[in-house]
N, C-alpha and C. Protein backbone atom coordinates (compact mmCIF):
# COMPACT_ATOMS: atom_id res chain seq x y z
N UNK A 1 -5.60 -15.46 -10.55
CA UNK A 1 -5.20 -15.61 -9.19
C UNK A 1 -3.61 -15.15 -9.12
N UNK A 2 -3.35 -14.03 -8.44
CA UNK A 2 -1.94 -13.77 -8.35
C UNK A 2 -1.18 -14.47 -7.15
N UNK A 3 -0.07 -15.02 -7.46
CA UNK A 3 0.72 -15.75 -6.67
C UNK A 3 1.84 -14.65 -5.91
N UNK A 4 1.76 -14.91 -4.60
CA UNK A 4 2.76 -13.97 -3.80
C UNK A 4 4.24 -13.98 -3.94
N UNK A 5 4.41 -15.29 -4.55
CA UNK A 5 5.91 -15.62 -4.66
C UNK A 5 6.42 -15.43 -6.11
N UNK A 6 5.50 -14.74 -6.93
CA UNK A 6 5.89 -13.94 -8.21
C UNK A 6 6.21 -12.70 -8.00
N UNK A 7 7.01 -12.05 -9.10
CA UNK A 7 7.18 -10.66 -9.09
C UNK A 7 5.97 -9.78 -9.01
N UNK A 8 4.99 -10.23 -9.80
CA UNK A 8 3.76 -9.17 -9.99
C UNK A 8 2.82 -9.57 -8.62
N UNK A 9 2.86 -10.48 -8.07
CA UNK A 9 2.38 -10.84 -6.73
C UNK A 9 2.76 -9.98 -5.68
N UNK A 10 4.20 -9.68 -5.63
CA UNK A 10 4.81 -8.91 -4.71
C UNK A 10 4.42 -7.47 -4.87
N UNK A 11 4.43 -6.96 -6.37
CA UNK A 11 4.03 -5.55 -6.64
C UNK A 11 2.58 -5.46 -6.08
N UNK A 12 1.62 -6.49 -6.32
CA UNK A 12 0.24 -6.44 -6.07
C UNK A 12 0.18 -6.09 -4.36
N UNK A 13 0.96 -6.99 -3.62
CA UNK A 13 0.99 -7.06 -2.36
C UNK A 13 1.36 -5.46 -1.94
N UNK A 14 2.52 -5.15 -2.33
CA UNK A 14 2.99 -3.90 -1.94
C UNK A 14 2.09 -2.67 -2.03
N UNK A 15 1.48 -2.52 -3.27
CA UNK A 15 0.46 -1.55 -3.56
C UNK A 15 -0.66 -1.66 -2.67
N UNK A 16 -1.16 -2.79 -2.30
CA UNK A 16 -2.32 -3.02 -1.43
C UNK A 16 -1.91 -2.49 0.05
N UNK A 17 -0.71 -3.03 0.18
CA UNK A 17 -0.21 -2.64 1.77
C UNK A 17 -0.23 -1.03 1.61
N UNK A 18 0.43 -0.19 0.71
CA UNK A 18 0.70 1.28 0.71
C UNK A 18 -0.78 1.73 0.76
N UNK A 19 -1.57 1.25 0.00
CA UNK A 19 -3.02 1.74 -0.19
C UNK A 19 -3.82 1.80 1.40
N UNK A 20 -3.68 0.74 1.84
CA UNK A 20 -4.43 0.41 3.04
C UNK A 20 -3.77 1.32 4.09
N UNK A 21 -2.54 1.41 4.20
CA UNK A 21 -1.73 2.38 5.30
C UNK A 21 -2.16 3.72 5.16
N UNK A 22 -2.26 4.25 3.84
CA UNK A 22 -2.62 5.52 3.55
C UNK A 22 -4.10 5.78 3.97
N UNK A 23 -4.89 4.72 3.78
CA UNK A 23 -6.46 4.84 4.19
C UNK A 23 -6.48 4.99 5.76
N UNK A 24 -5.76 4.06 6.20
CA UNK A 24 -5.86 4.07 7.88
C UNK A 24 -5.16 5.30 8.44
N UNK A 25 -4.39 6.06 7.70
CA UNK A 25 -3.91 7.33 8.27
C UNK A 25 -5.00 8.37 8.28
N UNK A 26 -6.04 8.24 7.46
CA UNK A 26 -7.02 9.12 7.57
C UNK A 26 -8.21 8.96 8.63
N UNK A 27 -8.07 7.55 9.24
CA UNK A 27 -8.94 7.32 10.28
C UNK A 27 -8.46 7.74 11.74
N UNK A 28 -8.97 8.70 12.35
CA UNK A 28 -8.38 9.38 13.49
C UNK A 28 -8.04 8.43 14.85
N UNK A 29 -9.01 7.30 15.08
CA UNK A 29 -8.74 6.62 15.97
C UNK A 29 -7.61 5.44 15.64
N UNK A 30 -7.56 5.16 14.23
CA UNK A 30 -6.55 4.07 13.98
C UNK A 30 -5.16 4.74 13.74
N UNK A 31 -5.13 6.04 13.57
CA UNK A 31 -3.73 6.83 13.28
C UNK A 31 -3.21 6.71 14.59
N UNK A 32 -3.80 7.18 15.59
CA UNK A 32 -3.02 7.17 16.96
C UNK A 32 -2.54 6.07 17.45
N UNK A 33 -3.28 4.93 17.10
CA UNK A 33 -3.08 3.77 17.60
C UNK A 33 -2.04 2.80 16.77
N UNK A 34 -2.02 2.78 15.59
CA UNK A 34 -1.26 2.06 14.54
C UNK A 34 -0.07 2.84 13.86
N UNK A 35 -0.46 4.08 13.69
CA UNK A 35 0.68 4.94 13.01
C UNK A 35 1.50 5.76 13.94
N UNK A 36 1.47 5.42 15.14
CA UNK A 36 2.10 6.27 16.06
C UNK A 36 3.66 6.11 16.09
N UNK A 37 4.05 4.98 15.89
CA UNK A 37 5.51 4.38 16.00
C UNK A 37 6.12 4.88 14.70
N UNK A 38 7.44 5.42 14.61
CA UNK A 38 8.01 5.67 13.54
C UNK A 38 9.41 4.91 12.97
N UNK A 39 9.74 3.98 13.99
CA UNK A 39 10.78 3.09 14.05
C UNK A 39 10.37 1.74 14.58
N UNK A 40 11.28 0.99 14.12
CA UNK A 40 10.80 -0.58 14.39
C UNK A 40 9.78 -1.31 13.44
N UNK A 41 9.35 -2.39 13.70
CA UNK A 41 8.29 -3.06 13.04
C UNK A 41 7.02 -2.30 12.88
N UNK A 42 6.59 -1.56 13.66
CA UNK A 42 5.25 -0.68 13.50
C UNK A 42 5.63 0.38 12.66
N UNK A 43 6.80 0.72 12.62
CA UNK A 43 7.31 2.09 11.73
C UNK A 43 7.01 1.52 10.07
N UNK A 44 7.03 0.39 9.92
CA UNK A 44 6.73 -0.09 8.36
C UNK A 44 5.33 0.48 7.94
N UNK A 45 4.32 0.43 8.89
CA UNK A 45 2.87 0.86 8.44
C UNK A 45 2.95 2.44 8.40
N UNK A 46 3.80 3.10 9.24
CA UNK A 46 3.99 4.52 9.20
C UNK A 46 4.61 4.82 7.74
N UNK A 47 5.56 4.37 7.45
CA UNK A 47 6.26 4.52 6.19
C UNK A 47 5.52 4.35 5.02
N UNK A 48 4.77 3.16 5.01
CA UNK A 48 3.61 2.99 3.86
C UNK A 48 2.57 3.90 3.85
N UNK A 49 2.27 4.37 5.02
CA UNK A 49 1.39 5.68 4.93
C UNK A 49 1.81 7.01 4.28
N UNK A 50 3.08 7.14 4.71
CA UNK A 50 3.79 8.37 4.15
C UNK A 50 3.91 8.34 2.72
N UNK A 51 4.26 7.23 2.26
CA UNK A 51 4.49 6.92 0.73
C UNK A 51 3.09 7.01 -0.10
N UNK A 52 2.12 6.45 0.62
CA UNK A 52 0.63 6.55 0.22
C UNK A 52 0.23 7.96 -0.23
N UNK A 53 0.62 8.74 0.83
CA UNK A 53 0.03 10.23 1.08
C UNK A 53 0.95 11.11 0.04
N UNK A 54 2.13 10.82 0.04
CA UNK A 54 2.96 11.80 -0.73
C UNK A 54 3.01 11.55 -2.12
N UNK A 55 2.85 10.20 -2.61
CA UNK A 55 2.91 9.76 -3.92
C UNK A 55 1.66 9.37 -4.43
N UNK A 56 0.51 9.88 -3.91
CA UNK A 56 -0.78 9.45 -4.15
C UNK A 56 -1.05 9.24 -5.76
N UNK A 57 -0.45 10.12 -6.66
CA UNK A 57 -1.12 10.12 -8.07
C UNK A 57 -0.03 8.77 -8.56
N UNK A 58 1.15 8.71 -8.12
CA UNK A 58 1.90 7.75 -8.77
C UNK A 58 1.31 6.24 -8.23
N UNK A 59 0.93 6.16 -7.04
CA UNK A 59 0.46 4.90 -6.32
C UNK A 59 -1.10 4.57 -7.02
N UNK A 60 -1.74 5.58 -7.44
CA UNK A 60 -2.91 5.37 -8.01
C UNK A 60 -2.84 4.89 -9.35
N UNK A 61 -1.98 5.57 -10.22
CA UNK A 61 -1.80 4.92 -11.52
C UNK A 61 -1.07 3.76 -11.54
N UNK A 62 -0.22 3.29 -10.61
CA UNK A 62 0.30 1.95 -10.39
C UNK A 62 -0.82 0.99 -10.20
N UNK A 63 -1.71 1.32 -9.29
CA UNK A 63 -3.09 0.30 -8.89
C UNK A 63 -3.72 0.08 -10.23
N UNK A 64 -4.00 1.24 -10.79
CA UNK A 64 -4.82 1.10 -11.99
C UNK A 64 -4.06 0.23 -13.12
N UNK A 65 -2.78 0.40 -13.36
CA UNK A 65 -1.98 -0.36 -14.15
C UNK A 65 -2.03 -1.77 -13.82
N UNK A 66 -1.72 -2.06 -12.60
CA UNK A 66 -1.61 -3.43 -12.10
C UNK A 66 -3.04 -4.29 -12.03
N UNK A 67 -4.16 -3.46 -11.95
CA UNK A 67 -5.39 -4.03 -12.03
C UNK A 67 -5.68 -4.42 -13.45
N UNK A 68 -5.25 -3.43 -14.41
CA UNK A 68 -5.31 -3.88 -15.90
C UNK A 68 -4.56 -5.09 -16.26
N UNK A 69 -3.40 -5.21 -15.72
CA UNK A 69 -2.40 -6.31 -16.08
C UNK A 69 -2.98 -7.58 -15.52
N UNK A 70 -3.54 -7.47 -14.21
CA UNK A 70 -4.04 -8.72 -13.47
C UNK A 70 -5.21 -9.40 -14.27
N UNK A 71 -6.12 -8.42 -14.60
CA UNK A 71 -7.59 -8.69 -15.19
C UNK A 71 -7.38 -9.18 -16.65
N UNK A 72 -6.71 -8.37 -17.31
CA UNK A 72 -6.72 -8.44 -18.91
C UNK A 72 -5.76 -9.26 -19.48
N UNK A 73 -4.40 -9.00 -18.98
CA UNK A 73 -3.35 -9.50 -19.68
C UNK A 73 -2.69 -10.77 -19.04
N UNK A 74 -2.85 -11.00 -17.80
CA UNK A 74 -2.55 -12.24 -17.03
C UNK A 74 -3.55 -13.24 -17.08
């Protein structure tokens, strides 16, 4: 179980947030509703989606390495 208050918990939460926002960017109905704002609190979702789509290889490798860490090392 990963604790949110530890460093690896924050990394897992950030990776899941970026992956979820990048996935929601591919859904047309949710893209216009959730990712339309680029500033403010709702802009965090847009920025997470941009990071997930532009750095998709690095995010995917980070997800795989964190999965390995959480399942086998921790």
